[in-house]
mmCIF file of all heavy atoms, coordinates in Angstrom:
data_MODEL
# 
_entry.id   MODEL 
# 
loop_
_atom_site.group_PDB 
_atom_site.id 
_atom_site.type_symbol 
_atom_site.label_atom_id 
_atom_site.label_alt_id 
_atom_site.label_comp_id 
_atom_site.label_asym_id 
_atom_site.label_entity_id 
_atom_site.label_seq_id 
_atom_site.pdbx_PDB_ins_code 
_atom_site.Cartn_x 
_atom_site.Cartn_y 
_atom_site.Cartn_z 
_atom_site.occupancy 
_atom_site.B_iso_or_equiv 
_atom_site.pdbx_formal_charge 
_atom_site.auth_seq_id 
_atom_site.auth_comp_id 
_atom_site.auth_asym_id 
_atom_site.auth_atom_id 
_atom_site.pdbx_PDB_model_num 
ATOM 1   N N   . GLY A 1 1  ? 0.793  -1.226  0.000   1.00 0.00 ? 1  GLY A N   1 
ATOM 2   C CA  . GLY A 1 1  ? 0.000  0.000   0.000   1.00 0.00 ? 1  GLY A CA  1 
ATOM 3   C C   . GLY A 1 1  ? 0.822  1.271   0.000   1.00 0.00 ? 1  GLY A C   1 
ATOM 4   O O   . GLY A 1 1  ? 0.363  2.316   -0.457  1.00 0.00 ? 1  GLY A O   1 
ATOM 5   N N   . ALA A 1 2  ? 2.068  1.177   0.504   1.00 0.00 ? 2  ALA A N   1 
ATOM 6   C CA  . ALA A 1 2  ? 2.958  2.341   0.533   1.00 0.00 ? 2  ALA A CA  1 
ATOM 7   C C   . ALA A 1 2  ? 3.807  2.443   -0.730  1.00 0.00 ? 2  ALA A C   1 
ATOM 8   O O   . ALA A 1 2  ? 4.652  3.324   -0.842  1.00 0.00 ? 2  ALA A O   1 
ATOM 9   C CB  . ALA A 1 2  ? 3.874  2.259   1.756   1.00 0.00 ? 2  ALA A CB  1 
ATOM 10  N N   . GLY A 1 3  ? 3.583  1.519   -1.677  1.00 0.00 ? 3  GLY A N   1 
ATOM 11  C CA  . GLY A 1 3  ? 4.353  1.534   -2.917  1.00 0.00 ? 3  GLY A CA  1 
ATOM 12  C C   . GLY A 1 3  ? 5.696  0.831   -2.819  1.00 0.00 ? 3  GLY A C   1 
ATOM 13  O O   . GLY A 1 3  ? 6.473  0.844   -3.770  1.00 0.00 ? 3  GLY A O   1 
ATOM 14  N N   . GLU A 1 4  ? 5.970  0.195   -1.665  1.00 0.00 ? 4  GLU A N   1 
ATOM 15  C CA  . GLU A 1 4  ? 7.232  -0.532  -1.488  1.00 0.00 ? 4  GLU A CA  1 
ATOM 16  C C   . GLU A 1 4  ? 7.142  -1.904  -2.150  1.00 0.00 ? 4  GLU A C   1 
ATOM 17  O O   . GLU A 1 4  ? 6.089  -2.553  -2.133  1.00 0.00 ? 4  GLU A O   1 
ATOM 18  C CB  . GLU A 1 4  ? 7.553  -0.691  -0.001  1.00 0.00 ? 4  GLU A CB  1 
ATOM 19  C CG  . GLU A 1 4  ? 7.839  0.611   0.712   1.00 0.00 ? 4  GLU A CG  1 
ATOM 20  C CD  . GLU A 1 4  ? 9.068  1.314   0.169   1.00 0.00 ? 4  GLU A CD  1 
ATOM 21  O OE1 . GLU A 1 4  ? 10.079 0.644   -0.111  1.00 0.00 ? 4  GLU A OE1 1 
ATOM 22  O OE2 . GLU A 1 4  ? 9.008  2.548   0.009   1.00 0.00 ? 4  GLU A OE2 1 
ATOM 23  N N   . LEU A 1 5  ? 8.239  -2.352  -2.713  1.00 0.00 ? 5  LEU A N   1 
ATOM 24  C CA  . LEU A 1 5  ? 8.282  -3.637  -3.405  1.00 0.00 ? 5  LEU A CA  1 
ATOM 25  C C   . LEU A 1 5  ? 8.068  -4.799  -2.435  1.00 0.00 ? 5  LEU A C   1 
ATOM 26  O O   . LEU A 1 5  ? 8.770  -4.922  -1.433  1.00 0.00 ? 5  LEU A O   1 
ATOM 27  C CB  . LEU A 1 5  ? 9.628  -3.796  -4.121  1.00 0.00 ? 5  LEU A CB  1 
ATOM 28  C CG  . LEU A 1 5  ? 9.786  -5.039  -4.991  1.00 0.00 ? 5  LEU A CG  1 
ATOM 29  C CD1 . LEU A 1 5  ? 8.800  -4.999  -6.155  1.00 0.00 ? 5  LEU A CD1 1 
ATOM 30  C CD2 . LEU A 1 5  ? 11.213 -5.141  -5.498  1.00 0.00 ? 5  LEU A CD2 1 
ATOM 31  N N   . VAL A 1 6  ? 7.083  -5.626  -2.728  1.00 0.00 ? 6  VAL A N   1 
ATOM 32  C CA  . VAL A 1 6  ? 6.834  -6.858  -1.984  1.00 0.00 ? 6  VAL A CA  1 
ATOM 33  C C   . VAL A 1 6  ? 7.587  -7.998  -2.649  1.00 0.00 ? 6  VAL A C   1 
ATOM 34  O O   . VAL A 1 6  ? 8.174  -8.847  -1.995  1.00 0.00 ? 6  VAL A O   1 
ATOM 35  C CB  . VAL A 1 6  ? 5.323  -7.180  -1.920  1.00 0.00 ? 6  VAL A CB  1 
ATOM 36  C CG1 . VAL A 1 6  ? 5.069  -8.584  -1.385  1.00 0.00 ? 6  VAL A CG1 1 
ATOM 37  C CG2 . VAL A 1 6  ? 4.603  -6.144  -1.071  1.00 0.00 ? 6  VAL A CG2 1 
ATOM 38  N N   . GLY A 1 7  ? 7.576  -8.015  -3.968  1.00 0.00 ? 7  GLY A N   1 
ATOM 39  C CA  . GLY A 1 7  ? 8.261  -9.065  -4.711  1.00 0.00 ? 7  GLY A CA  1 
ATOM 40  C C   . GLY A 1 7  ? 8.081  -8.876  -6.195  1.00 0.00 ? 7  GLY A C   1 
ATOM 41  O O   . GLY A 1 7  ? 7.344  -7.991  -6.648  1.00 0.00 ? 7  GLY A O   1 
ATOM 42  N N   . GLY A 1 8  ? 8.766  -9.728  -6.944  1.00 0.00 ? 8  GLY A N   1 
ATOM 43  C CA  . GLY A 1 8  ? 8.646  -9.623  -8.381  1.00 0.00 ? 8  GLY A CA  1 
ATOM 44  C C   . GLY A 1 8  ? 9.379  -10.722 -9.110  1.00 0.00 ? 8  GLY A C   1 
ATOM 45  O O   . GLY A 1 8  ? 10.062 -11.556 -8.496  1.00 0.00 ? 8  GLY A O   1 
ATOM 46  N N   . LEU A 1 9  ? 9.214  -10.705 -10.402 1.00 0.00 ? 9  LEU A N   1 
ATOM 47  C CA  . LEU A 1 9  ? 9.791  -11.726 -11.272 1.00 0.00 ? 9  LEU A CA  1 
ATOM 48  C C   . LEU A 1 9  ? 10.152 -11.070 -12.598 1.00 0.00 ? 9  LEU A C   1 
ATOM 49  O O   . LEU A 1 9  ? 9.424  -10.201 -13.081 1.00 0.00 ? 9  LEU A O   1 
ATOM 50  C CB  . LEU A 1 9  ? 8.764  -12.840 -11.487 1.00 0.00 ? 9  LEU A CB  1 
ATOM 51  C CG  . LEU A 1 9  ? 9.087  -13.967 -12.448 1.00 0.00 ? 9  LEU A CG  1 
ATOM 52  C CD1 . LEU A 1 9  ? 8.439  -15.263 -11.960 1.00 0.00 ? 9  LEU A CD1 1 
ATOM 53  C CD2 . LEU A 1 9  ? 8.632  -13.670 -13.859 1.00 0.00 ? 9  LEU A CD2 1 
ATOM 54  N N   . THR A 1 10 ? 11.281 -11.482 -13.155 1.00 0.00 ? 10 THR A N   1 
ATOM 55  C CA  . THR A 1 10 ? 11.627 -11.105 -14.523 1.00 0.00 ? 10 THR A CA  1 
ATOM 56  C C   . THR A 1 10 ? 11.803 -12.385 -15.325 1.00 0.00 ? 10 THR A C   1 
ATOM 57  O O   . THR A 1 10 ? 12.246 -13.413 -14.794 1.00 0.00 ? 10 THR A O   1 
ATOM 58  C CB  . THR A 1 10 ? 12.914 -10.258 -14.596 1.00 0.00 ? 10 THR A CB  1 
ATOM 59  O OG1 . THR A 1 10 ? 13.996 -10.975 -14.005 1.00 0.00 ? 10 THR A OG1 1 
ATOM 60  C CG2 . THR A 1 10 ? 12.720 -8.925  -13.884 1.00 0.00 ? 10 THR A CG2 1 
ATOM 61  N N   . ALA A 1 11 ? 11.428 -12.316 -16.595 1.00 0.00 ? 11 ALA A N   1 
ATOM 62  C CA  . ALA A 1 11 ? 11.484 -13.502 -17.443 1.00 0.00 ? 11 ALA A CA  1 
ATOM 63  C C   . ALA A 1 11 ? 11.688 -13.103 -18.899 1.00 0.00 ? 11 ALA A C   1 
ATOM 64  O O   . ALA A 1 11 ? 11.478 -11.952 -19.274 1.00 0.00 ? 11 ALA A O   1 
ATOM 65  C CB  . ALA A 1 11 ? 10.195 -14.315 -17.305 1.00 0.00 ? 11 ALA A CB  1 
ATOM 66  N N   . TRP A 1 12 ? 12.100 -14.076 -19.687 1.00 0.00 ? 12 TRP A N   1 
ATOM 67  C CA  . TRP A 1 12 ? 12.230 -13.885 -21.131 1.00 0.00 ? 12 TRP A CA  1 
ATOM 68  C C   . TRP A 1 12 ? 11.440 -14.978 -21.834 1.00 0.00 ? 12 TRP A C   1 
ATOM 69  O O   . TRP A 1 12 ? 11.136 -16.016 -21.238 1.00 0.00 ? 12 TRP A O   1 
ATOM 70  C CB  . TRP A 1 12 ? 13.696 -13.901 -21.562 1.00 0.00 ? 12 TRP A CB  1 
ATOM 71  C CG  . TRP A 1 12 ? 14.482 -15.077 -21.059 1.00 0.00 ? 12 TRP A CG  1 
ATOM 72  C CD1 . TRP A 1 12 ? 15.243 -15.123 -19.919 1.00 0.00 ? 12 TRP A CD1 1 
ATOM 73  C CD2 . TRP A 1 12 ? 14.562 -16.381 -21.639 1.00 0.00 ? 12 TRP A CD2 1 
ATOM 74  N NE1 . TRP A 1 12 ? 15.796 -16.379 -19.765 1.00 0.00 ? 12 TRP A NE1 1 
ATOM 75  C CE2 . TRP A 1 12 ? 15.405 -17.170 -20.815 1.00 0.00 ? 12 TRP A CE2 1 
ATOM 76  C CE3 . TRP A 1 12 ? 14.026 -16.970 -22.774 1.00 0.00 ? 12 TRP A CE3 1 
ATOM 77  C CZ2 . TRP A 1 12 ? 15.702 -18.512 -21.089 1.00 0.00 ? 12 TRP A CZ2 1 
ATOM 78  C CZ3 . TRP A 1 12 ? 14.322 -18.298 -23.054 1.00 0.00 ? 12 TRP A CZ3 1 
ATOM 79  C CH2 . TRP A 1 12 ? 15.157 -19.048 -22.214 1.00 0.00 ? 12 TRP A CH2 1 
ATOM 80  N N   . THR A 1 13 ? 11.083 -14.730 -23.075 1.00 0.00 ? 13 THR A N   1 
ATOM 81  C CA  . THR A 1 13 ? 10.382 -15.728 -23.891 1.00 0.00 ? 13 THR A CA  1 
ATOM 82  C C   . THR A 1 13 ? 11.085 -15.841 -25.233 1.00 0.00 ? 13 THR A C   1 
ATOM 83  O O   . THR A 1 13 ? 11.610 -14.861 -25.762 1.00 0.00 ? 13 THR A O   1 
ATOM 84  C CB  . THR A 1 13 ? 8.907  -15.326 -24.108 1.00 0.00 ? 13 THR A CB  1 
ATOM 85  O OG1 . THR A 1 13 ? 8.845  -14.062 -24.760 1.00 0.00 ? 13 THR A OG1 1 
ATOM 86  C CG2 . THR A 1 13 ? 8.158  -15.253 -22.789 1.00 0.00 ? 13 THR A CG2 1 
ATOM 87  N N   . TRP A 1 14 ? 11.078 -17.057 -25.761 1.00 0.00 ? 14 TRP A N   1 
ATOM 88  C CA  . TRP A 1 14 ? 11.737 -17.272 -27.043 1.00 0.00 ? 14 TRP A CA  1 
ATOM 89  C C   . TRP A 1 14 ? 11.326 -18.635 -27.594 1.00 0.00 ? 14 TRP A C   1 
ATOM 90  O O   . TRP A 1 14 ? 11.542 -19.659 -26.949 1.00 0.00 ? 14 TRP A O   1 
ATOM 91  C CB  . TRP A 1 14 ? 13.253 -17.215 -26.846 1.00 0.00 ? 14 TRP A CB  1 
ATOM 92  C CG  . TRP A 1 14 ? 14.084 -17.538 -28.043 1.00 0.00 ? 14 TRP A CG  1 
ATOM 93  C CD1 . TRP A 1 14 ? 13.947 -17.052 -29.309 1.00 0.00 ? 14 TRP A CD1 1 
ATOM 94  C CD2 . TRP A 1 14 ? 15.196 -18.421 -28.084 1.00 0.00 ? 14 TRP A CD2 1 
ATOM 95  N NE1 . TRP A 1 14 ? 14.901 -17.571 -30.133 1.00 0.00 ? 14 TRP A NE1 1 
ATOM 96  C CE2 . TRP A 1 14 ? 15.691 -18.422 -29.397 1.00 0.00 ? 14 TRP A CE2 1 
ATOM 97  C CE3 . TRP A 1 14 ? 15.829 -19.218 -27.141 1.00 0.00 ? 14 TRP A CE3 1 
ATOM 98  C CZ2 . TRP A 1 14 ? 16.776 -19.196 -29.788 1.00 0.00 ? 14 TRP A CZ2 1 
ATOM 99  C CZ3 . TRP A 1 14 ? 16.912 -19.985 -27.524 1.00 0.00 ? 14 TRP A CZ3 1 
ATOM 100 C CH2 . TRP A 1 14 ? 17.378 -19.953 -28.844 1.00 0.00 ? 14 TRP A CH2 1 
ATOM 101 N N   . GLY A 1 15 ? 10.712 -18.644 -28.742 1.00 0.00 ? 15 GLY A N   1 
ATOM 102 C CA  . GLY A 1 15 ? 10.370 -19.886 -29.412 1.00 0.00 ? 15 GLY A CA  1 
ATOM 103 C C   . GLY A 1 15 ? 9.486  -20.812 -28.597 1.00 0.00 ? 15 GLY A C   1 
ATOM 104 O O   . GLY A 1 15 ? 9.645  -22.024 -28.641 1.00 0.00 ? 15 GLY A O   1 
ATOM 105 N N   . GLY A 1 16 ? 8.555  -20.260 -27.834 1.00 0.00 ? 16 GLY A N   1 
ATOM 106 C CA  . GLY A 1 16 ? 7.652  -21.077 -27.034 1.00 0.00 ? 16 GLY A CA  1 
ATOM 107 C C   . GLY A 1 16 ? 8.183  -21.438 -25.660 1.00 0.00 ? 16 GLY A C   1 
ATOM 108 O O   . GLY A 1 16 ? 7.510  -22.111 -24.885 1.00 0.00 ? 16 GLY A O   1 
ATOM 109 N N   . LEU A 1 17 ? 9.397  -20.993 -25.349 1.00 0.00 ? 17 LEU A N   1 
ATOM 110 C CA  . LEU A 1 17 ? 10.009 -21.256 -24.035 1.00 0.00 ? 17 LEU A CA  1 
ATOM 111 C C   . LEU A 1 17 ? 10.002 -19.973 -23.220 1.00 0.00 ? 17 LEU A C   1 
ATOM 112 O O   . LEU A 1 17 ? 10.363 -18.910 -23.727 1.00 0.00 ? 17 LEU A O   1 
ATOM 113 C CB  . LEU A 1 17 ? 11.450 -21.739 -24.208 1.00 0.00 ? 17 LEU A CB  1 
ATOM 114 C CG  . LEU A 1 17 ? 12.279 -21.896 -22.923 1.00 0.00 ? 17 LEU A CG  1 
ATOM 115 C CD1 . LEU A 1 17 ? 11.711 -23.005 -22.039 1.00 0.00 ? 17 LEU A CD1 1 
ATOM 116 C CD2 . LEU A 1 17 ? 13.736 -22.178 -23.276 1.00 0.00 ? 17 LEU A CD2 1 
ATOM 117 N N   . CYS A 1 18 ? 9.629  -20.079 -21.959 1.00 0.00 ? 18 CYS A N   1 
ATOM 118 C CA  . CYS A 1 18 ? 9.744  -18.974 -21.014 1.00 0.00 ? 18 CYS A CA  1 
ATOM 119 C C   . CYS A 1 18 ? 10.888 -19.311 -20.068 1.00 0.00 ? 18 CYS A C   1 
ATOM 120 O O   . CYS A 1 18 ? 10.947 -20.417 -19.524 1.00 0.00 ? 18 CYS A O   1 
ATOM 121 C CB  . CYS A 1 18 ? 8.448  -18.809 -20.216 1.00 0.00 ? 18 CYS A CB  1 
ATOM 122 S SG  . CYS A 1 18 ? 8.565  -17.595 -18.881 1.00 0.00 ? 18 CYS A SG  1 
ATOM 123 N N   . GLY A 1 19 ? 11.779 -18.383 -19.876 1.00 0.00 ? 19 GLY A N   1 
ATOM 124 C CA  . GLY A 1 19 ? 12.873 -18.566 -18.926 1.00 0.00 ? 19 GLY A CA  1 
ATOM 125 C C   . GLY A 1 19 ? 12.733 -17.570 -17.793 1.00 0.00 ? 19 GLY A C   1 
ATOM 126 O O   . GLY A 1 19 ? 12.708 -16.358 -18.027 1.00 0.00 ? 19 GLY A O   1 
ATOM 127 N N   . ILE A 1 20 ? 12.592 -18.078 -16.588 1.00 0.00 ? 20 ILE A N   1 
ATOM 128 C CA  . ILE A 1 20 ? 12.507 -17.189 -15.430 1.00 0.00 ? 20 ILE A CA  1 
ATOM 129 C C   . ILE A 1 20 ? 13.924 -16.778 -15.059 1.00 0.00 ? 20 ILE A C   1 
ATOM 130 O O   . ILE A 1 20 ? 14.770 -17.620 -14.770 1.00 0.00 ? 20 ILE A O   1 
ATOM 131 C CB  . ILE A 1 20 ? 11.808 -17.877 -14.246 1.00 0.00 ? 20 ILE A CB  1 
ATOM 132 C CG1 . ILE A 1 20 ? 10.360 -18.206 -14.614 1.00 0.00 ? 20 ILE A CG1 1 
ATOM 133 C CG2 . ILE A 1 20 ? 11.880 -17.001 -12.990 1.00 0.00 ? 20 ILE A CG2 1 
ATOM 134 C CD1 . ILE A 1 20 ? 9.628  -19.048 -13.591 1.00 0.00 ? 20 ILE A CD1 1 
ATOM 135 N N   . SER A 1 21 ? 14.183 -15.490 -15.083 1.00 0.00 ? 21 SER A N   1 
ATOM 136 C CA  . SER A 1 21 ? 15.505 -14.966 -14.730 1.00 0.00 ? 21 SER A CA  1 
ATOM 137 C C   . SER A 1 21 ? 15.643 -14.793 -13.230 1.00 0.00 ? 21 SER A C   1 
ATOM 138 O O   . SER A 1 21 ? 16.610 -15.255 -12.625 1.00 0.00 ? 21 SER A O   1 
ATOM 139 C CB  . SER A 1 21 ? 15.755 -13.627 -15.423 1.00 0.00 ? 21 SER A CB  1 
ATOM 140 O OG  . SER A 1 21 ? 15.664 -13.762 -16.814 1.00 0.00 ? 21 SER A OG  1 
ATOM 141 N N   . MET A 1 22 ? 14.698 -14.089 -12.633 1.00 0.00 ? 22 MET A N   1 
ATOM 142 C CA  . MET A 1 22 ? 14.750 -13.820 -11.194 1.00 0.00 ? 22 MET A CA  1 
ATOM 143 C C   . MET A 1 22 ? 13.346 -13.803 -10.613 1.00 0.00 ? 22 MET A C   1 
ATOM 144 O O   . MET A 1 22 ? 12.426 -13.307 -11.249 1.00 0.00 ? 22 MET A O   1 
ATOM 145 C CB  . MET A 1 22 ? 15.407 -12.462 -10.921 1.00 0.00 ? 22 MET A CB  1 
ATOM 146 C CG  . MET A 1 22 ? 16.862 -12.391 -11.292 1.00 0.00 ? 22 MET A CG  1 
ATOM 147 S SD  . MET A 1 22 ? 17.606 -10.808 -10.832 1.00 0.00 ? 22 MET A SD  1 
ATOM 148 C CE  . MET A 1 22 ? 17.092 -9.783  -12.205 1.00 0.00 ? 22 MET A CE  1 
ATOM 149 N N   . LEU A 1 23 ? 13.210 -14.352 -9.409  1.00 0.00 ? 23 LEU A N   1 
ATOM 150 C CA  . LEU A 1 23 ? 11.986 -14.243 -8.626  1.00 0.00 ? 23 LEU A CA  1 
ATOM 151 C C   . LEU A 1 23 ? 12.423 -13.974 -7.194  1.00 0.00 ? 23 LEU A C   1 
ATOM 152 O O   . LEU A 1 23 ? 13.255 -14.697 -6.647  1.00 0.00 ? 23 LEU A O   1 
ATOM 153 C CB  . LEU A 1 23 ? 11.152 -15.524 -8.689  1.00 0.00 ? 23 LEU A CB  1 
ATOM 154 C CG  . LEU A 1 23 ? 9.749  -15.451 -8.089  1.00 0.00 ? 23 LEU A CG  1 
ATOM 155 C CD1 . LEU A 1 23 ? 8.886  -16.570 -8.659  1.00 0.00 ? 23 LEU A CD1 1 
ATOM 156 C CD2 . LEU A 1 23 ? 9.693  -15.488 -6.595  1.00 0.00 ? 23 LEU A CD2 1 
ATOM 157 N N   . TRP A 1 24 ? 11.856 -12.933 -6.596  1.00 0.00 ? 24 TRP A N   1 
ATOM 158 C CA  . TRP A 1 24 ? 12.216 -12.565 -5.223  1.00 0.00 ? 24 TRP A CA  1 
ATOM 159 C C   . TRP A 1 24 ? 10.985 -12.046 -4.507  1.00 0.00 ? 24 TRP A C   1 
ATOM 160 O O   . TRP A 1 24 ? 10.145 -11.362 -5.095  1.00 0.00 ? 24 TRP A O   1 
ATOM 161 C CB  . TRP A 1 24 ? 13.289 -11.474 -5.241  1.00 0.00 ? 24 TRP A CB  1 
ATOM 162 C CG  . TRP A 1 24 ? 13.625 -10.932 -3.884  1.00 0.00 ? 24 TRP A CG  1 
ATOM 163 C CD1 . TRP A 1 24 ? 14.491 -11.473 -2.976  1.00 0.00 ? 24 TRP A CD1 1 
ATOM 164 C CD2 . TRP A 1 24 ? 13.108 -9.745  -3.288  1.00 0.00 ? 24 TRP A CD2 1 
ATOM 165 N NE1 . TRP A 1 24 ? 14.539 -10.693 -1.843  1.00 0.00 ? 24 TRP A NE1 1 
ATOM 166 C CE2 . TRP A 1 24 ? 13.693 -9.614  -2.004  1.00 0.00 ? 24 TRP A CE2 1 
ATOM 167 C CE3 . TRP A 1 24 ? 12.206 -8.773  -3.698  1.00 0.00 ? 24 TRP A CE3 1 
ATOM 168 C CZ2 . TRP A 1 24 ? 13.412 -8.575  -1.144  1.00 0.00 ? 24 TRP A CZ2 1 
ATOM 169 C CZ3 . TRP A 1 24 ? 11.919 -7.721  -2.835  1.00 0.00 ? 24 TRP A CZ3 1 
ATOM 170 C CH2 . TRP A 1 24 ? 12.523 -7.627  -1.580  1.00 0.00 ? 24 TRP A CH2 1 
ATOM 171 N N   . VAL A 1 25 ? 10.868 -12.407 -3.211  1.00 0.00 ? 25 VAL A N   1 
ATOM 172 C CA  . VAL A 1 25 ? 9.814  -11.898 -2.349  1.00 0.00 ? 25 VAL A CA  1 
ATOM 173 C C   . VAL A 1 25 ? 10.463 -11.379 -1.071  1.00 0.00 ? 25 VAL A C   1 
ATOM 174 O O   . VAL A 1 25 ? 11.326 -12.056 -0.489  1.00 0.00 ? 25 VAL A O   1 
ATOM 175 C CB  . VAL A 1 25 ? 8.767  -12.985 -2.020  1.00 0.00 ? 25 VAL A CB  1 
ATOM 176 C CG1 . VAL A 1 25 ? 7.735  -12.461 -1.029  1.00 0.00 ? 25 VAL A CG1 1 
ATOM 177 C CG2 . VAL A 1 25 ? 8.084  -13.487 -3.287  1.00 0.00 ? 25 VAL A CG2 1 
ATOM 178 N N   . ARG A 1 26 ? 10.040 -10.199 -0.645  1.00 0.00 ? 26 ARG A N   1 
ATOM 179 C CA  . ARG A 1 26 ? 10.558 -9.582  0.583   1.00 0.00 ? 26 ARG A CA  1 
ATOM 180 C C   . ARG A 1 26 ? 10.357 -10.539 1.767   1.00 0.00 ? 26 ARG A C   1 
ATOM 181 O O   . ARG A 1 26 ? 9.315  -11.189 1.883   1.00 0.00 ? 26 ARG A O   1 
ATOM 182 C CB  . ARG A 1 26 ? 9.822  -8.258  0.806   1.00 0.00 ? 26 ARG A CB  1 
ATOM 183 C CG  . ARG A 1 26 ? 10.444 -7.352  1.809   1.00 0.00 ? 26 ARG A CG  1 
ATOM 184 C CD  . ARG A 1 26 ? 9.776  -5.995  1.801   1.00 0.00 ? 26 ARG A CD  1 
ATOM 185 N NE  . ARG A 1 26 ? 8.444  -6.080  2.397   1.00 0.00 ? 26 ARG A NE  1 
ATOM 186 C CZ  . ARG A 1 26 ? 7.474  -5.185  2.198   1.00 0.00 ? 26 ARG A CZ  1 
ATOM 187 N NH1 . ARG A 1 26 ? 7.663  -4.153  1.394   1.00 0.00 ? 26 ARG A NH1 1 
ATOM 188 N NH2 . ARG A 1 26 ? 6.311  -5.324  2.783   1.00 0.00 ? 26 ARG A NH2 1 
ATOM 189 N N   . GLU A 1 27 ? 11.339 -10.593 2.632   1.00 0.00 ? 27 GLU A N   1 
ATOM 190 C CA  . GLU A 1 27 ? 11.354 -11.581 3.721   1.00 0.00 ? 27 GLU A CA  1 
ATOM 191 C C   . GLU A 1 27 ? 10.089 -11.555 4.580   1.00 0.00 ? 27 GLU A C   1 
ATOM 192 O O   . GLU A 1 27 ? 9.532  -12.609 4.903   1.00 0.00 ? 27 GLU A O   1 
ATOM 193 C CB  . GLU A 1 27 ? 12.588 -11.388 4.592   1.00 0.00 ? 27 GLU A CB  1 
ATOM 194 C CG  . GLU A 1 27 ? 12.775 -12.502 5.594   1.00 0.00 ? 27 GLU A CG  1 
ATOM 195 C CD  . GLU A 1 27 ? 14.096 -12.455 6.313   1.00 0.00 ? 27 GLU A CD  1 
ATOM 196 O OE1 . GLU A 1 27 ? 14.940 -11.593 6.010   1.00 0.00 ? 27 GLU A OE1 1 
ATOM 197 O OE2 . GLU A 1 27 ? 14.276 -13.302 7.207   1.00 0.00 ? 27 GLU A OE2 1 
# 
């Protein structure tokens, strides 16, 4: 609610494959 990051994920896609680069959630 304060706009602070709780967590997130970055990923790429290519030729029908999704690759998760990073996933993190605040402790």
